[in-house]
Every structure is written in C-alpha cells, then in structure tokens.
Protein backbone atom coordinates (compact mmCIF):
# COMPACT_ATOMS: atom_id res chain seq x y z
CA MET A 1 25.86 -163.32 69.71
CA ARG A 2 22.39 -164.75 69.19
CA THR A 3 20.50 -163.64 66.07
CA PHE A 4 17.09 -164.84 64.96
CA PRO A 5 16.10 -163.94 61.39
CA PRO A 6 12.45 -163.16 60.71
CA PRO A 7 10.64 -166.29 59.43
CA PHE A 8 9.90 -164.71 56.02
CA ILE A 9 13.67 -164.42 55.29
CA LYS A 10 15.02 -167.52 53.57
CA LYS A 11 18.70 -166.88 54.25
CA LEU A 12 20.62 -164.21 56.14
CA ARG A 13 24.39 -163.70 55.84
CA PHE A 14 26.43 -161.20 57.88
CA PRO A 15 30.14 -160.63 58.64
CA THR A 16 31.69 -161.53 62.00
CA LYS A 17 35.24 -161.64 63.32
CA ASP A 18 35.26 -165.37 62.56
CA GLY A 19 34.04 -164.94 58.99
CA ILE A 20 30.65 -164.89 57.27
CA MET A 21 27.84 -166.41 59.31
CA GLU A 22 24.68 -167.75 57.75
CA LEU A 23 21.23 -168.17 59.28
CA ASN A 24 18.22 -169.82 57.69
CA GLY A 25 14.66 -168.66 58.26
CA ASP A 26 11.96 -171.08 59.41
CA GLN A 27 10.24 -171.70 56.09
CA VAL A 28 7.45 -173.80 57.58
CA THR A 29 6.43 -170.88 59.78
CA ALA A 30 6.85 -168.49 56.87
CA LYS A 31 4.54 -170.44 54.61
CA ARG A 32 1.88 -170.76 57.30
CA ARG A 33 2.09 -167.03 57.92
CA PHE A 34 1.97 -166.21 54.23
CA LEU A 35 -0.81 -168.65 53.37
CA ALA A 36 -3.19 -167.61 56.11
CA ALA A 37 -6.35 -169.68 56.23
CA PRO A 38 -9.37 -167.81 54.81
CA GLU A 39 -12.35 -167.05 56.99
CA LYS A 40 -15.58 -169.00 56.62
CA VAL A 41 -18.73 -166.91 56.14
CA LEU A 42 -22.12 -168.63 56.41
CA PHE A 43 -25.02 -167.89 54.08
CA ASP A 44 -27.42 -169.12 56.73
CA PRO A 45 -26.29 -169.55 60.38
CA SER A 46 -28.72 -172.45 60.75
CA ASN A 47 -27.02 -174.41 57.93
CA PRO A 48 -23.22 -174.70 58.45
CA GLU A 49 -22.78 -176.51 55.11
CA LEU A 50 -23.67 -173.42 53.06
CA PHE A 51 -20.75 -171.00 53.18
CA PHE A 52 -18.03 -169.25 51.19
CA LEU A 53 -14.48 -168.26 52.14
CA VAL A 54 -13.04 -164.74 52.32
CA GLY A 55 -9.50 -163.54 53.00
CA SER A 56 -8.62 -163.26 56.67
CA LYS A 57 -6.23 -160.34 56.08
CA LEU A 58 -8.79 -157.97 54.56
CA SER A 59 -9.22 -154.57 56.13
CA ALA A 60 -12.56 -153.82 57.76
CA ILE A 61 -13.63 -151.60 54.84
CA ASP A 62 -12.57 -154.08 52.16
CA LYS A 63 -14.29 -156.94 53.96
CA GLU A 64 -17.51 -154.95 54.33
CA GLN A 65 -17.54 -154.08 50.61
CA LEU A 66 -16.82 -157.67 49.60
CA LEU A 67 -19.50 -159.19 51.83
CA LYS A 68 -22.03 -156.63 50.61
CA LEU A 69 -21.27 -157.60 47.01
CA LEU A 70 -21.61 -161.32 47.74
CA ASP A 71 -24.89 -160.80 49.60
CA GLU A 72 -26.27 -159.04 46.52
CA GLN A 73 -25.53 -162.05 44.29
CA PRO A 74 -27.84 -164.84 45.55
CA GLU A 75 -28.60 -166.00 42.00
CA THR A 76 -24.90 -166.48 41.24
CA PHE A 77 -24.53 -169.29 43.77
CA LEU A 78 -26.32 -172.60 43.64
CA LEU A 79 -26.72 -173.66 47.25
CA GLY A 80 -26.87 -177.43 46.91
CA TRP A 81 -29.35 -179.62 45.03
CA SER A 82 -32.40 -177.90 46.44
CA MET A 83 -32.43 -175.46 43.50
CA THR A 84 -33.21 -176.46 39.93
CA PHE A 85 -30.08 -176.40 37.77
CA ARG A 86 -30.89 -175.36 34.20
CA GLY A 87 -27.38 -175.12 32.81
CA CYS A 88 -25.94 -172.38 30.61
CA LEU A 89 -27.66 -170.74 27.68
CA PRO A 90 -27.51 -172.90 24.52
CA ASN A 91 -26.24 -170.00 22.41
CA LEU A 92 -22.96 -169.97 24.35
CA ALA A 93 -22.02 -173.57 23.60
CA CYS A 94 -23.99 -176.71 22.82
CA HIS A 95 -22.17 -180.01 22.98
CA ALA A 96 -22.59 -182.34 20.00
CA LEU A 97 -21.63 -186.00 19.60
CA ASN A 98 -20.16 -186.16 16.11
CA ILE A 99 -20.09 -189.92 15.74
CA GLY A 100 -18.36 -191.17 12.63
CA PRO A 101 -20.66 -193.00 10.17
CA GLU A 102 -18.32 -195.99 10.14
CA HIS A 103 -18.92 -196.68 13.84
CA LYS A 104 -21.80 -198.96 14.79
CA PRO A 105 -23.71 -198.42 18.07
CA ILE A 106 -22.39 -200.40 21.03
CA ALA A 107 -24.52 -201.43 24.00
CA GLN A 108 -22.35 -202.39 26.97
CA LYS A 109 -23.42 -205.37 29.01
CA CYS A 110 -24.94 -204.24 32.29
CA ARG A 111 -22.51 -204.54 35.20
CA LYS A 112 -23.52 -205.29 38.76
CA LEU A 113 -22.60 -202.85 41.53
CA ALA A 114 -21.96 -203.58 45.19
CA LEU A 115 -24.76 -202.57 47.55
CA GLU A 116 -22.93 -199.48 48.86
CA ARG A 117 -22.15 -198.18 45.38
CA ALA A 118 -25.61 -199.01 44.06
CA THR A 119 -27.07 -196.88 46.86
CA ILE A 120 -24.76 -194.01 45.92
CA VAL A 121 -25.82 -194.25 42.27
CA LEU A 122 -29.50 -194.28 43.27
CA GLU A 123 -29.09 -191.10 45.32
CA GLU A 124 -27.22 -189.43 42.46
CA VAL A 125 -29.92 -190.37 39.94
CA GLU A 126 -32.60 -188.91 42.22
CA HIS A 127 -30.59 -185.67 42.49
CA LEU A 128 -30.08 -185.48 38.74
CA LEU A 129 -33.77 -186.06 38.06
CA ALA A 130 -34.80 -183.44 40.62
CA SER A 131 -32.42 -180.87 39.11
CA GLY A 132 -33.54 -181.57 35.55
CA THR A 133 -30.10 -182.80 34.46
CA ILE A 134 -31.27 -186.17 33.09
CA ARG A 135 -34.47 -187.70 31.73
CA GLU A 136 -35.73 -191.20 31.11
CA VAL A 137 -35.41 -192.52 27.56
CA GLN A 138 -36.68 -195.56 25.67
CA TYR A 139 -35.11 -197.71 22.95
CA PRO A 140 -31.52 -196.46 23.29
CA VAL A 141 -29.03 -197.21 20.54
CA TRP A 142 -25.89 -196.69 22.60
CA PHE A 143 -25.64 -197.85 26.19
CA SER A 144 -22.97 -197.22 28.88
CA ASN A 145 -22.51 -198.36 32.48
CA THR A 146 -22.18 -196.30 35.65
CA VAL A 147 -18.83 -196.13 37.45
CA VAL A 148 -18.35 -194.94 41.04
CA VAL A 149 -14.98 -193.39 41.98
CA LYS A 150 -13.76 -191.75 45.18
CA LYS A 151 -12.92 -188.02 45.14
CA LYS A 152 -10.07 -186.27 46.98
CA ASN A 153 -12.39 -185.23 49.81
CA GLY A 154 -13.40 -188.84 50.45
CA LYS A 155 -16.85 -188.54 48.88
CA TRP A 156 -18.00 -190.58 45.89
CA ARG A 157 -18.50 -189.39 42.33
CA VAL A 158 -20.81 -191.19 39.92
CA CYS A 159 -19.47 -191.26 36.35
CA ILE A 160 -20.46 -192.98 33.13
CA ASP A 161 -18.10 -195.29 31.22
CA PHE A 162 -18.16 -193.64 27.79
CA THR A 163 -15.15 -195.62 26.50
CA ASP A 164 -16.92 -197.01 23.44
CA LEU A 165 -18.71 -193.75 22.66
CA ASN A 166 -15.48 -191.75 22.91
CA LYS A 167 -13.74 -194.05 20.43
CA ALA A 168 -16.45 -193.28 17.89
CA CYS A 169 -16.12 -189.48 18.22
CA PRO A 170 -13.35 -187.50 16.47
CA LYS A 171 -11.24 -185.26 18.69
CA ASP A 172 -12.22 -181.60 18.92
CA PRO A 173 -9.11 -179.58 17.84
CA PHE A 174 -10.01 -176.59 20.04
CA LEU A 175 -6.83 -175.81 22.02
CA LEU A 176 -6.85 -175.51 25.80
CA PRO A 177 -4.75 -172.74 27.39
CA GLN A 178 -1.18 -173.53 28.47
CA ILE A 179 -1.21 -174.12 32.24
CA ASP A 180 2.26 -172.60 32.72
CA GLN A 181 1.21 -169.40 30.96
CA LEU A 182 -1.96 -169.08 33.03
CA VAL A 183 -0.06 -169.58 36.28
CA ASP A 184 2.66 -167.10 35.27
CA SER A 185 0.05 -164.46 34.45
CA VAL A 186 -1.06 -164.32 38.10
CA LEU A 187 2.29 -163.02 39.36
CA GLY A 188 2.32 -159.44 40.58
CA HIS A 189 -1.38 -159.21 41.43
CA ALA A 190 -2.29 -157.96 44.88
CA ARG A 191 -5.69 -159.61 45.32
CA LEU A 192 -7.14 -162.86 44.01
CA SER A 193 -10.42 -164.76 44.07
CA PHE A 194 -10.85 -168.42 43.12
CA LEU A 195 -14.21 -169.55 41.72
CA ASP A 196 -15.59 -173.03 41.15
CA ALA A 197 -18.48 -173.64 38.76
CA PHE A 198 -21.34 -175.77 40.06
CA GLN A 199 -21.31 -179.18 38.35
CA GLY A 200 -18.55 -177.84 36.08
CA LEU A 201 -18.83 -179.55 32.70
CA SER A 202 -22.50 -180.34 33.22
CA SER A 203 -23.30 -176.65 32.77
CA ASN A 204 -23.35 -177.11 28.99
CA PRO A 205 -26.54 -178.27 27.28
CA ASN A 206 -26.38 -181.26 24.96
CA GLU A 207 -27.32 -180.88 21.31
CA CYS A 208 -31.09 -180.81 21.03
CA GLY A 209 -33.20 -182.86 18.69
CA ARG A 210 -30.97 -185.82 17.95
CA LEU A 211 -30.92 -189.43 19.09
CA ARG A 212 -29.47 -189.88 22.54
CA GLU A 213 -26.11 -191.66 22.72
CA ASP A 214 -25.06 -190.62 26.24
CA VAL A 215 -27.35 -193.22 27.80
CA PHE A 216 -26.80 -195.11 31.06
CA TYR A 217 -28.71 -197.77 32.97
CA HIS A 218 -29.85 -197.96 36.58
CA THR A 219 -32.48 -200.03 38.41
CA LYS A 220 -34.11 -201.35 35.23
CA ARG A 221 -34.50 -197.83 33.82
CA VAL A 222 -32.52 -196.03 31.14
CA TYR A 223 -31.62 -192.35 31.31
CA CYS A 224 -29.91 -189.81 29.08
CA TYR A 225 -28.38 -186.44 29.86
CA LYS A 226 -29.98 -183.11 28.99
CA VAL A 227 -26.61 -181.45 29.67
CA MET A 228 -23.03 -182.40 28.84
CA PRO A 229 -21.95 -185.18 31.24
CA PHE A 230 -18.53 -185.90 32.69
CA GLY A 231 -16.37 -188.37 30.82
CA LEU A 232 -17.07 -187.37 27.22
CA LYS A 233 -14.02 -187.07 24.99
CA ASN A 234 -14.51 -183.46 23.92
CA ALA A 235 -16.22 -182.15 27.05
CA GLY A 236 -13.21 -180.09 28.12
CA ALA A 237 -12.90 -178.42 24.71
CA THR A 238 -16.61 -177.56 24.64
CA TYR A 239 -16.50 -176.04 28.12
CA GLN A 240 -13.34 -174.05 27.37
CA ARG A 241 -14.94 -172.70 24.20
CA MET A 242 -17.92 -171.58 26.28
CA VAL A 243 -15.97 -169.78 29.01
CA SER A 244 -13.66 -168.20 26.42
CA LYS A 245 -16.74 -166.76 24.73
CA MET A 246 -18.22 -165.61 28.04
CA PHE A 247 -15.14 -163.83 29.44
CA GLY A 248 -13.46 -163.00 26.12
CA HIS A 249 -12.69 -159.32 26.78
CA LEU A 250 -11.62 -159.98 30.39
CA ILE A 251 -9.35 -162.99 29.86
CA GLY A 252 -5.73 -162.03 30.38
CA LYS A 253 -6.71 -158.78 32.12
CA THR A 254 -8.72 -159.59 35.23
CA VAL A 255 -9.82 -163.19 34.56
CA GLU A 256 -7.99 -166.46 33.89
CA VAL A 257 -9.99 -169.60 33.08
CA TYR A 258 -8.94 -173.19 32.53
CA ILE A 259 -12.09 -175.23 31.86
CA ASP A 260 -14.01 -174.93 35.15
CA ASP A 261 -11.21 -173.34 37.23
CA MET A 262 -11.68 -169.57 37.31
CA LEU A 263 -9.44 -166.95 38.88
CA ILE A 264 -10.16 -163.24 39.29
CA LYS A 265 -7.04 -161.09 39.71
CA SER A 266 -6.47 -157.42 40.52
CA LEU A 267 -3.24 -155.43 40.43
CA ARG A 268 -4.69 -153.00 42.97
CA GLU A 269 -6.61 -154.17 46.01
CA GLU A 270 -9.19 -151.39 45.69
CA ASP A 271 -10.19 -152.60 42.19
CA HIS A 272 -11.04 -156.15 43.18
CA VAL A 273 -14.69 -155.67 44.11
CA ALA A 274 -15.34 -153.91 40.78
CA ASN A 275 -13.61 -156.75 38.91
CA LEU A 276 -15.74 -159.31 40.75
CA LEU A 277 -18.90 -157.39 39.89
CA GLN A 278 -18.03 -157.60 36.18
CA VAL A 279 -17.64 -161.37 36.47
CA PHE A 280 -20.89 -161.79 38.41
CA ASP A 281 -22.78 -159.82 35.75
CA ILE A 282 -21.46 -162.18 33.07
CA LEU A 283 -22.28 -165.26 35.15
CA GLY A 284 -25.81 -164.01 35.75
CA GLY A 285 -26.41 -163.40 32.06
CA SER A 286 -25.15 -166.85 31.08
CA ARG A 287 -26.90 -168.84 33.87
CA LEU A 288 -23.58 -170.35 34.97
CA ARG A 289 -23.71 -170.92 38.72
CA LEU A 290 -20.96 -171.20 41.34
CA ASN A 291 -20.41 -173.76 44.06
CA ALA A 292 -20.26 -171.41 47.06
CA SER A 293 -18.36 -173.68 49.47
CA LYS A 294 -15.53 -174.10 46.92
CA CYS A 295 -15.09 -170.38 46.21
CA THR A 296 -12.53 -168.15 47.94
CA PHE A 297 -12.68 -164.36 47.70
CA GLY A 298 -10.24 -161.56 48.45
CA VAL A 299 -7.01 -163.43 49.25
CA SER A 300 -3.39 -162.69 48.38
CA SER A 301 -2.48 -166.29 47.54
CA GLY A 302 -4.03 -169.67 46.87
CA LYS A 303 -3.97 -172.85 44.80
CA PHE A 304 -4.55 -172.55 41.07
CA LEU A 305 -4.05 -175.46 38.66
CA ASP A 306 -1.96 -177.42 41.20
CA HIS A 307 0.33 -174.46 41.93
CA VAL A 308 0.45 -172.03 44.85
CA VAL A 309 0.24 -168.57 43.29
CA SER A 310 0.74 -165.20 44.94
CA ARG A 311 2.06 -161.72 44.28
CA ARG A 312 5.63 -162.76 45.05
CA GLY A 313 5.85 -165.90 42.94
CA ILE A 314 4.84 -169.47 42.11
CA GLU A 315 5.38 -172.39 44.45
CA ALA A 316 4.90 -176.10 44.03
CA ASN A 317 1.77 -177.68 45.46
CA PRO A 318 2.68 -178.72 49.05
CA ASP A 319 0.32 -181.69 48.85
CA GLN A 320 2.24 -183.05 45.86
CA ILE A 321 5.54 -182.46 47.66
CA ASP A 322 4.31 -184.37 50.72
CA ALA A 323 3.18 -187.26 48.52
CA LEU A 324 6.64 -187.57 46.97
CA VAL A 325 8.51 -187.12 50.25
CA ASP A 326 6.42 -189.88 51.87
CA LEU A 327 6.99 -192.23 48.92
CA ALA A 328 8.94 -195.41 49.71
CA GLU A 329 11.86 -196.55 47.55
CA PRO A 330 10.66 -198.28 44.36
CA ARG A 331 10.90 -202.05 44.19
CA ASN A 332 9.96 -202.68 40.58
CA ILE A 333 9.73 -201.01 37.17
CA LYS A 334 6.10 -199.98 37.65
CA GLN A 335 6.97 -198.08 40.82
CA ILE A 336 9.91 -196.42 39.03
CA GLN A 337 7.51 -195.23 36.33
CA ARG A 338 5.24 -193.82 39.02
CA LEU A 339 8.21 -192.03 40.64
CA THR A 340 9.40 -190.44 37.39
CA GLY A 341 5.85 -189.31 36.66
CA MET A 342 5.55 -187.64 40.07
CA VAL A 343 8.95 -185.95 39.73
CA ALA A 344 8.07 -184.68 36.24
CA ALA A 345 5.28 -182.59 37.82
CA PHE A 346 8.02 -180.49 39.48
CA GLY A 347 9.97 -180.02 36.25
CA ARG A 348 9.95 -176.22 36.36
CA PHE A 349 10.99 -176.15 40.02
CA ILE A 350 13.98 -178.53 39.87
CA SER A 351 17.11 -177.41 38.05
CA ARG A 352 18.85 -180.01 35.85
CA LEU A 353 16.05 -182.46 36.46
CA ALA A 354 17.26 -184.88 33.78
CA ASP A 355 20.65 -185.23 35.49
CA LYS A 356 19.06 -185.81 38.89
CA CYS A 357 16.76 -188.50 37.47
CA LYS A 358 19.38 -190.19 35.30
CA PRO A 359 19.69 -193.30 37.56
CA PHE A 360 15.92 -193.83 37.30
CA PHE A 361 15.88 -193.53 33.52
CA GLN A 362 18.75 -196.01 33.27
CA LEU A 363 16.66 -198.55 35.18
CA LEU A 364 13.74 -198.01 32.82
CA GLY A 365 15.97 -198.58 29.80
CA LYS A 366 17.43 -201.85 31.04
CA LYS A 367 16.02 -205.16 30.00
CA SER A 368 17.94 -206.96 32.72
CA LYS A 369 16.79 -207.62 36.26
CA PHE A 370 15.66 -204.63 38.33
CA VAL A 371 18.42 -203.50 40.72
CA TRP A 372 17.96 -200.52 43.04
CA ASP A 373 21.54 -199.60 44.01
CA GLU A 374 23.16 -196.90 46.16
CA GLU A 375 23.29 -194.46 43.25
CA CYS A 376 19.53 -194.71 42.80
CA SER A 377 18.95 -194.35 46.52
CA ALA A 378 21.19 -191.26 46.70
CA ALA A 379 19.37 -189.67 43.75
CA PHE A 380 16.00 -190.45 45.35
CA GLN A 381 16.95 -188.88 48.68
CA GLY A 382 18.56 -185.93 46.88
CA ILE A 383 15.32 -185.10 45.07
CA LYS A 384 13.40 -185.30 48.34
CA ALA A 385 15.87 -182.94 50.03
CA TYR A 386 15.69 -180.56 47.06
CA LEU A 387 11.89 -180.38 47.24
CA LEU A 388 11.98 -179.71 50.98
CA THR A 389 14.00 -176.57 50.20
CA PRO A 390 11.58 -173.67 49.61
CA LEU A 391 11.05 -173.31 45.86
CA CYS A 392 9.58 -170.08 44.56
CA LEU A 393 9.59 -168.84 40.96
CA SER A 394 9.25 -165.11 40.37
CA ILE A 395 9.16 -162.94 37.28
CA PRO A 396 12.16 -160.68 36.59
CA ASN A 397 11.79 -156.92 36.82
CA LEU A 398 12.18 -155.18 33.48
CA GLY A 399 15.54 -153.44 33.16
CA GLU A 400 17.22 -155.38 35.97
CA PRO A 401 19.98 -157.94 35.22
CA LEU A 402 19.02 -161.59 35.69
CA PHE A 403 22.34 -162.46 37.35
C-alpha cells in the first residue's frame, strides 16, 4: 500500500495488519503553501521601487475593496524622500533630553570616515536637510560623531554615537509592551496587515526652545535634529507613549503596536477593510506616515516581532532557525556565549531548554581550559534537530482538556 499524506498534515498514523504505520507530511512544502508570498502592487508603473504588498489569496471582491481603500490614502504613505517629512504633531509626544545637572557637556573628538562611508553620510545629510529633519547650528555644547552601520537588506544606515549624551540622561520608566503577550494576541485572527512607519523614531519632534544637545558633525558643518533621532536612550519609550496615545481605544482589539511595528488584525475577513480605515484616519490626523514598500495588507500570516504569526499559531522565525542550524561548533568561550544567546531566543519553542543546554552552561562555569567533548557535540546537534522539527504554538480552546 502506498499512502501520501497531504503536506499540511504533520503526522498520520493508521492501523495495518503489521501494526501501526506512521507517515510524516512534508513540512517544507506545507510552510511554503501556508506562507504564500504576497503580491506586489505598484503605485506608479513607471517607478518599480514604489509599491506595497497585498495578500495573494484574497478573493476578487476583497482585493478590489482593499486596493480601492489604499488608492484613497495617498497622504498616508510617504513615497521616498521626494516629499517633505514634517513628523507627528507635537501634542502627541515631544521628546525631551532631561540631562542631569551634575553632568558636564562632552564634545567628542571628530573621527575620520573612509571615503565610501563619508559619501554615504553626505547623501544622508542632504536627504535630511531636504526633508526638514535637521538644521545647521552654531556653538554647540554637546557634540557626537556619525556612525555608519549595515542593515539587514545590505544598505547602509547613518546613526549618531550618543554614548556620552545617553549616560547623562536618566532612564524613562515608561514600560514597553511584553513581546510574548503581543504575539499571543494575534492568534485566532483571520486577516492581518503589517505596517511600517516611515523613519520610525524620527517621527517625533524634539523639545522646542532649548539648547541643542543632539548635535553631530559633517564636512566642517554642525547639525542638530528637529525630530527625535535614532540612538537616544529614551527614544523607544517616547515613541511607544505616542503610539499608545494615538491608538489607545483600538490597542488590544484591532491594533497591536510595539514601538514602530504595527499590526492590524481582524477576527472576520469582511471587517478588515473597515479596521484599516480606522487606522488610516488616525494616521492622517497625527501626520504619521507609512513606508509603503515595507507594508503588507490582507494576509493570513506574516512576521511580527521576530515570530511567524497566523490564525493557527505561532512559529519561530525561520531566518533565526537557519542561522542556528548553519552555525559551526564553538571553539572558545565567546562562541559558546553566542550559541547560548541564540538558543535562548527559542526558549518558548524548546521544551526543557535548560536540560538540553546543560553541557554549554557547564563550559561557561568552568575556569579550566575550554574542552568541547562528545556530550557537547551531541547536545548541539540535538538542538539543531529539534528546531528542524516544525514548532507551532497554539492557544487552547476554552472548555477542552489540555491533555
């Protein structure tokens, strides 16, 4: 007898004359089928870089309604640097640098940049000036250097080294939402949309009327930010306070927000367009703009806060799994620390994680010479094999036994 289980079935058991037979579904095929790639929709056919993504499994009617809604929201999306970016309204949140009186101003010594990175910084400064994000300033008291780092997509991001300034500012006690709770709240929803705010933290205006401390240097000129820049100690708390105020009555119902990651969820597919319209109205009234090419609308699953969320459950980020599976065996304590840190990210997906990682922790606790033995190797390969097994967390149904 030849039996082929459907790919969406993890395991199939059935009786035969020789006993119970077991067949495993092809989970790679199942995940590709379940996580269908969204469809790219262009704003302007002549410019392929300006687009947004919509679910590829939408019905013709749902797709028509969704595209009509998106076409009616041109002011919600900021299509590149060509448009002036004013930031959010100051009455929502205004970032302040509460520097302690005991801290004296620090001016960092100017650092030289390689030609390639200096060119990147110059282009970024021109963009920021054109968008009204920064302005030139004279006689700065504090001074910080520019830092260029590579993003996940291979492009470069220009940041400012606010190390000294952050040490002088007390921590904002405003609590950020628990990531696990936000991810769990998505379960059971039929339709999702993932939104990305344009320039994220830089949407907040800086406090007006005080001496500029967020100052940086480039090509013999000194600039300060008119909005809240990346890298400030309390930037995340300020932004979360702003979005919590904006979406207050919708958070937990149809909206989940963690700093600049926004998710719109609907229990019924037919309600999703109306839920999106509510969010767009709030965005329009606050002047917060979205990065169109990083937004996905009308899907049943997607990545949210480094988890794959859907109606059926929560799965670990496949990119993080691939990174751990491709990791070579550690050769020193530093690499062991990196390994334990990567494994800790899967804590809620791996049962008895402490027992499985015990050989690694024993190496970290030893003061003697580093020795990677067979027990460590077996534990390492065991964790890899465990992660390659499909892991999906789902919420229990009320009234049903857990076991």
